[in-house]
Amino acid sequence: MNRMIDIVIPHNNEEEFISIAEKLGYSGLFFLYNLNDYLDKYQKLKTQNTKIKIHTGIVVDNKEIHKVKSGIRNENVFIVVKSSTNDKEAIEKLKPDVIFSFEGSIKKDFIHQRASGLNHILCKAAKDKGVMIGFS
């Protein structure tokens, strides 16, 4: 049984993603939307008939996650947070499902290495809180 699922951020091209995923034999797709588009897209995709399972989630920065947690009653909302300057706080206090894009954070490089944004401290905090780390 094939259990391949992909996570994508569509731009009004959901049908195209679904068509390609069905051809590739995926079992599901996760569509991530910003907070403003989520409810509208969620209802629309919920009624769509496809061969694969469609999931939806919200992608936010860590400043918006409080709006998501207080504004949406559905506890099964998949929340993805884009990395920022205070990732440790986001992981420990906000507890999103996934945090990603560490390479995009603006951090000063060290003398002998590049500052990737991800380190052993963040990895341990993510493991302890059950937060997945996403890579593009």
C-alpha atoms as a PDB file:
ATOM      1  CA  MET A   1       0.000   0.000   0.000  1.00  0.00           C
ATOM      2  CA  ASN A   2       1.439   3.365  -1.069  1.00  0.00           C
ATOM      3  CA  ARG A   3       1.383   6.008   1.669  1.00  0.00           C
ATOM      4  CA  MET A   4       3.031   8.953  -0.091  1.00  0.00           C
ATOM      5  CA  ILE A   5       1.661  12.314   0.995  1.00  0.00           C
ATOM      6  CA  ASP A   6       2.946  15.680  -0.168  1.00  0.00           C
ATOM      7  CA  ILE A   7       2.599  19.073   1.504  1.00  0.00           C
ATOM      8  CA  VAL A   8       2.063  21.967  -0.903  1.00  0.00           C
ATOM      9  CA  ILE A   9       1.208  25.661  -0.800  1.00  0.00           C
ATOM     10  CA  PRO A  10      -1.121  26.182  -3.780  1.00  0.00           C
ATOM     11  CA  HIS A  11      -1.947  29.406  -5.594  1.00  0.00           C
ATOM     12  CA  ASN A  12      -5.446  28.616  -6.886  1.00  0.00           C
ATOM     13  CA  ASN A  13      -4.076  25.549  -8.715  1.00  0.00           C
ATOM     14  CA  GLU A  14      -5.379  22.800  -6.423  1.00  0.00           C
ATOM     15  CA  GLU A  15      -6.944  20.812  -9.281  1.00  0.00           C
ATOM     16  CA  GLU A  16      -3.568  20.678 -11.031  1.00  0.00           C
ATOM     17  CA  PHE A  17      -1.868  19.397  -7.871  1.00  0.00           C
ATOM     18  CA  ILE A  18      -4.580  16.769  -7.405  1.00  0.00           C
ATOM     19  CA  SER A  19      -4.306  15.591 -11.009  1.00  0.00           C
ATOM     20  CA  ILE A  20      -0.523  15.209 -10.825  1.00  0.00           C
ATOM     21  CA  ALA A  21      -0.681  13.519  -7.398  1.00  0.00           C
ATOM     22  CA  GLU A  22      -3.214  10.976  -8.710  1.00  0.00           C
ATOM     23  CA  LYS A  23      -0.986  10.220 -11.716  1.00  0.00           C
ATOM     24  CA  LEU A  24       2.040   9.758  -9.445  1.00  0.00           C
ATOM     25  CA  GLY A  25       0.155   7.399  -7.136  1.00  0.00           C
ATOM     26  CA  TYR A  26       0.074   9.596  -4.052  1.00  0.00           C
ATOM     27  CA  SER A  27      -2.357   8.630  -1.324  1.00  0.00           C
ATOM     28  CA  GLY A  28      -2.905  12.200  -0.139  1.00  0.00           C
ATOM     29  CA  LEU A  29      -2.108  15.887  -0.360  1.00  0.00           C
ATOM     30  CA  PHE A  30      -1.818  18.512   2.347  1.00  0.00           C
ATOM     31  CA  PHE A  31      -2.797  21.971   1.122  1.00  0.00           C
ATOM     32  CA  LEU A  32      -1.509  24.805   3.292  1.00  0.00           C
ATOM     33  CA  TYR A  33      -3.238  28.195   3.262  1.00  0.00           C
ATOM     34  CA  ASN A  34      -2.835  31.479   5.054  1.00  0.00           C
ATOM     35  CA  LEU A  35      -5.293  32.203   7.824  1.00  0.00           C
ATOM     36  CA  ASN A  36      -7.577  34.394   5.686  1.00  0.00           C
ATOM     37  CA  ASP A  37      -8.015  31.788   2.918  1.00  0.00           C
ATOM     38  CA  TYR A  38      -8.221  28.678   5.080  1.00  0.00           C
ATOM     39  CA  LEU A  39     -11.922  28.504   5.924  1.00  0.00           C
ATOM     40  CA  ASP A  40     -13.071  29.217   2.371  1.00  0.00           C
ATOM     41  CA  LYS A  41     -10.692  26.684   0.814  1.00  0.00           C
ATOM     42  CA  TYR A  42     -11.349  24.095   3.539  1.00  0.00           C
ATOM     43  CA  GLN A  43     -15.079  23.982   2.773  1.00  0.00           C
ATOM     44  CA  LYS A  44     -14.473  23.868  -0.981  1.00  0.00           C
ATOM     45  CA  LEU A  45     -11.932  21.017  -0.818  1.00  0.00           C
ATOM     46  CA  LYS A  46     -13.977  19.088   1.731  1.00  0.00           C
ATOM     47  CA  THR A  47     -16.710  18.525  -0.856  1.00  0.00           C
ATOM     48  CA  GLN A  48     -14.359  17.673  -3.739  1.00  0.00           C
ATOM     49  CA  ASN A  49     -14.448  14.044  -4.920  1.00  0.00           C
ATOM     50  CA  THR A  50     -10.953  12.678  -5.639  1.00  0.00           C
ATOM     51  CA  LYS A  51      -9.086   9.381  -5.637  1.00  0.00           C
ATOM     52  CA  ILE A  52      -6.709  10.694  -2.998  1.00  0.00           C
ATOM     53  CA  LYS A  53      -7.283  12.024   0.508  1.00  0.00           C
ATOM     54  CA  ILE A  54      -7.153  15.796   0.771  1.00  0.00           C
ATOM     55  CA  HIS A  55      -6.004  17.474   3.997  1.00  0.00           C
ATOM     56  CA  THR A  56      -5.763  21.169   4.754  1.00  0.00           C
ATOM     57  CA  GLY A  57      -3.722  23.231   7.140  1.00  0.00           C
ATOM     58  CA  ILE A  58      -2.645  26.735   7.952  1.00  0.00           C
ATOM     59  CA  VAL A  59       0.777  28.263   7.414  1.00  0.00           C
ATOM     60  CA  VAL A  60       1.526  31.246   9.664  1.00  0.00           C
ATOM     61  CA  ASP A  61       4.396  33.082  11.205  1.00  0.00           C
ATOM     62  CA  ASN A  62       4.739  32.771  14.960  1.00  0.00           C
ATOM     63  CA  LYS A  63       3.022  36.145  15.520  1.00  0.00           C
ATOM     64  CA  GLU A  64      -0.210  34.866  13.942  1.00  0.00           C
ATOM     65  CA  ILE A  65      -0.423  31.491  15.666  1.00  0.00           C
ATOM     66  CA  HIS A  66      -2.379  32.948  18.603  1.00  0.00           C
ATOM     67  CA  LYS A  67      -5.079  34.055  16.146  1.00  0.00           C
ATOM     68  CA  VAL A  68      -5.252  30.520  14.763  1.00  0.00           C
ATOM     69  CA  LYS A  69      -5.462  28.816  18.135  1.00  0.00           C
ATOM     70  CA  SER A  70      -8.158  31.197  19.399  1.00  0.00           C
ATOM     71  CA  GLY A  71     -10.047  31.778  16.145  1.00  0.00           C
ATOM     72  CA  ILE A  72     -10.571  28.248  14.852  1.00  0.00           C
ATOM     73  CA  ARG A  73     -12.519  25.830  16.975  1.00  0.00           C
ATOM     74  CA  ASN A  74     -11.439  22.680  15.097  1.00  0.00           C
ATOM     75  CA  GLU A  75      -8.671  21.151  17.191  1.00  0.00           C
ATOM     76  CA  ASN A  76      -7.478  19.010  14.280  1.00  0.00           C
ATOM     77  CA  VAL A  77      -6.158  21.983  12.305  1.00  0.00           C
ATOM     78  CA  PHE A  78      -2.671  21.255  10.986  1.00  0.00           C
ATOM     79  CA  ILE A  79      -0.568  24.314  11.880  1.00  0.00           C
ATOM     80  CA  VAL A  80       2.720  25.031  10.121  1.00  0.00           C
ATOM     81  CA  VAL A  81       4.893  27.907  11.329  1.00  0.00           C
ATOM     82  CA  LYS A  82       7.517  29.660   9.256  1.00  0.00           C
ATOM     83  CA  SER A  83      10.809  30.134  11.083  1.00  0.00           C
ATOM     84  CA  SER A  84      11.653  33.540  12.545  1.00  0.00           C
ATOM     85  CA  THR A  85      14.011  35.062  15.090  1.00  0.00           C
ATOM     86  CA  ASN A  86      12.443  33.391  18.153  1.00  0.00           C
ATOM     87  CA  ASP A  87      11.961  29.794  17.036  1.00  0.00           C
ATOM     88  CA  LYS A  88      12.671  28.280  20.448  1.00  0.00           C
ATOM     89  CA  GLU A  89       9.762  30.185  21.977  1.00  0.00           C
ATOM     90  CA  ALA A  90       7.497  29.199  19.081  1.00  0.00           C
ATOM     91  CA  ILE A  91       8.366  25.525  19.541  1.00  0.00           C
ATOM     92  CA  GLU A  92       8.079  25.458  23.330  1.00  0.00           C
ATOM     93  CA  LYS A  93       5.043  27.694  23.899  1.00  0.00           C
ATOM     94  CA  LEU A  94       3.011  27.634  20.688  1.00  0.00           C
ATOM     95  CA  LYS A  95       3.596  23.957  19.780  1.00  0.00           C
ATOM     96  CA  PRO A  96       2.812  23.979  16.045  1.00  0.00           C
ATOM     97  CA  ASP A  97       2.676  20.706  14.113  1.00  0.00           C
ATOM     98  CA  VAL A  98       5.593  21.710  11.849  1.00  0.00           C
ATOM     99  CA  ILE A  99       8.182  24.483  11.791  1.00  0.00           C
ATOM    100  CA  PHE A 100      10.088  25.092   8.560  1.00  0.00           C
ATOM    101  CA  SER A 101      12.236  27.486   6.494  1.00  0.00           C
ATOM    102  CA  PHE A 102      15.091  27.840   8.951  1.00  0.00           C
ATOM    103  CA  GLU A 103      17.440  28.713   6.099  1.00  0.00           C
ATOM    104  CA  GLY A 104      15.405  31.823   5.368  1.00  0.00           C
ATOM    105  CA  SER A 105      15.780  33.378   8.800  1.00  0.00           C
ATOM    106  CA  ILE A 106      17.997  36.421   9.046  1.00  0.00           C
ATOM    107  CA  LYS A 107      20.824  35.453  11.351  1.00  0.00           C
ATOM    108  CA  LYS A 108      24.407  36.631  11.263  1.00  0.00           C
ATOM    109  CA  ASP A 109      26.896  33.993  10.125  1.00  0.00           C
ATOM    110  CA  PHE A 110      29.560  32.820  12.542  1.00  0.00           C
ATOM    111  CA  ILE A 111      33.294  33.172  11.798  1.00  0.00           C
ATOM    112  CA  HIS A 112      33.832  29.537  10.747  1.00  0.00           C
ATOM    113  CA  GLN A 113      30.364  28.437   9.695  1.00  0.00           C
ATOM    114  CA  ARG A 114      27.098  29.633   8.259  1.00  0.00           C
ATOM    115  CA  ALA A 115      24.167  30.244  10.578  1.00  0.00           C
ATOM    116  CA  SER A 116      21.544  27.904   9.151  1.00  0.00           C
ATOM    117  CA  GLY A 117      18.940  28.843  11.735  1.00  0.00           C
ATOM    118  CA  LEU A 118      18.705  25.247  12.969  1.00  0.00           C
ATOM    119  CA  ASN A 119      20.841  23.938  15.795  1.00  0.00           C
ATOM    120  CA  HIS A 120      20.920  21.150  18.368  1.00  0.00           C
ATOM    121  CA  ILE A 121      18.991  23.230  20.913  1.00  0.00           C
ATOM    122  CA  LEU A 122      16.040  23.759  18.548  1.00  0.00           C
ATOM    123  CA  CYS A 123      16.156  20.099  17.493  1.00  0.00           C
ATOM    124  CA  LYS A 124      15.958  18.934  21.122  1.00  0.00           C
ATOM    125  CA  ALA A 125      13.114  21.362  21.906  1.00  0.00           C
ATOM    126  CA  ALA A 126      11.208  20.172  18.824  1.00  0.00           C
ATOM    127  CA  LYS A 127      11.705  16.531  19.818  1.00  0.00           C
ATOM    128  CA  ASP A 128      10.566  17.184  23.401  1.00  0.00           C
ATOM    129  CA  LYS A 129       7.413  19.049  22.285  1.00  0.00           C
ATOM    130  CA  GLY A 130       6.546  16.722  19.380  1.00  0.00           C
ATOM    131  CA  VAL A 131       7.064  19.394  16.713  1.00  0.00           C
ATOM    132  CA  MET A 132       8.178  18.232  13.261  1.00  0.00           C
ATOM    133  CA  ILE A 133      10.905  20.095  11.409  1.00  0.00           C
ATOM    134  CA  GLY A 134      10.221  20.680   7.720  1.00  0.00           C
ATOM    135  CA  PHE A 135      12.756  20.963   4.914  1.00  0.00           C
ATOM    136  CA  SER A 136      11.970  22.359   1.483  1.00  0.00           C
END
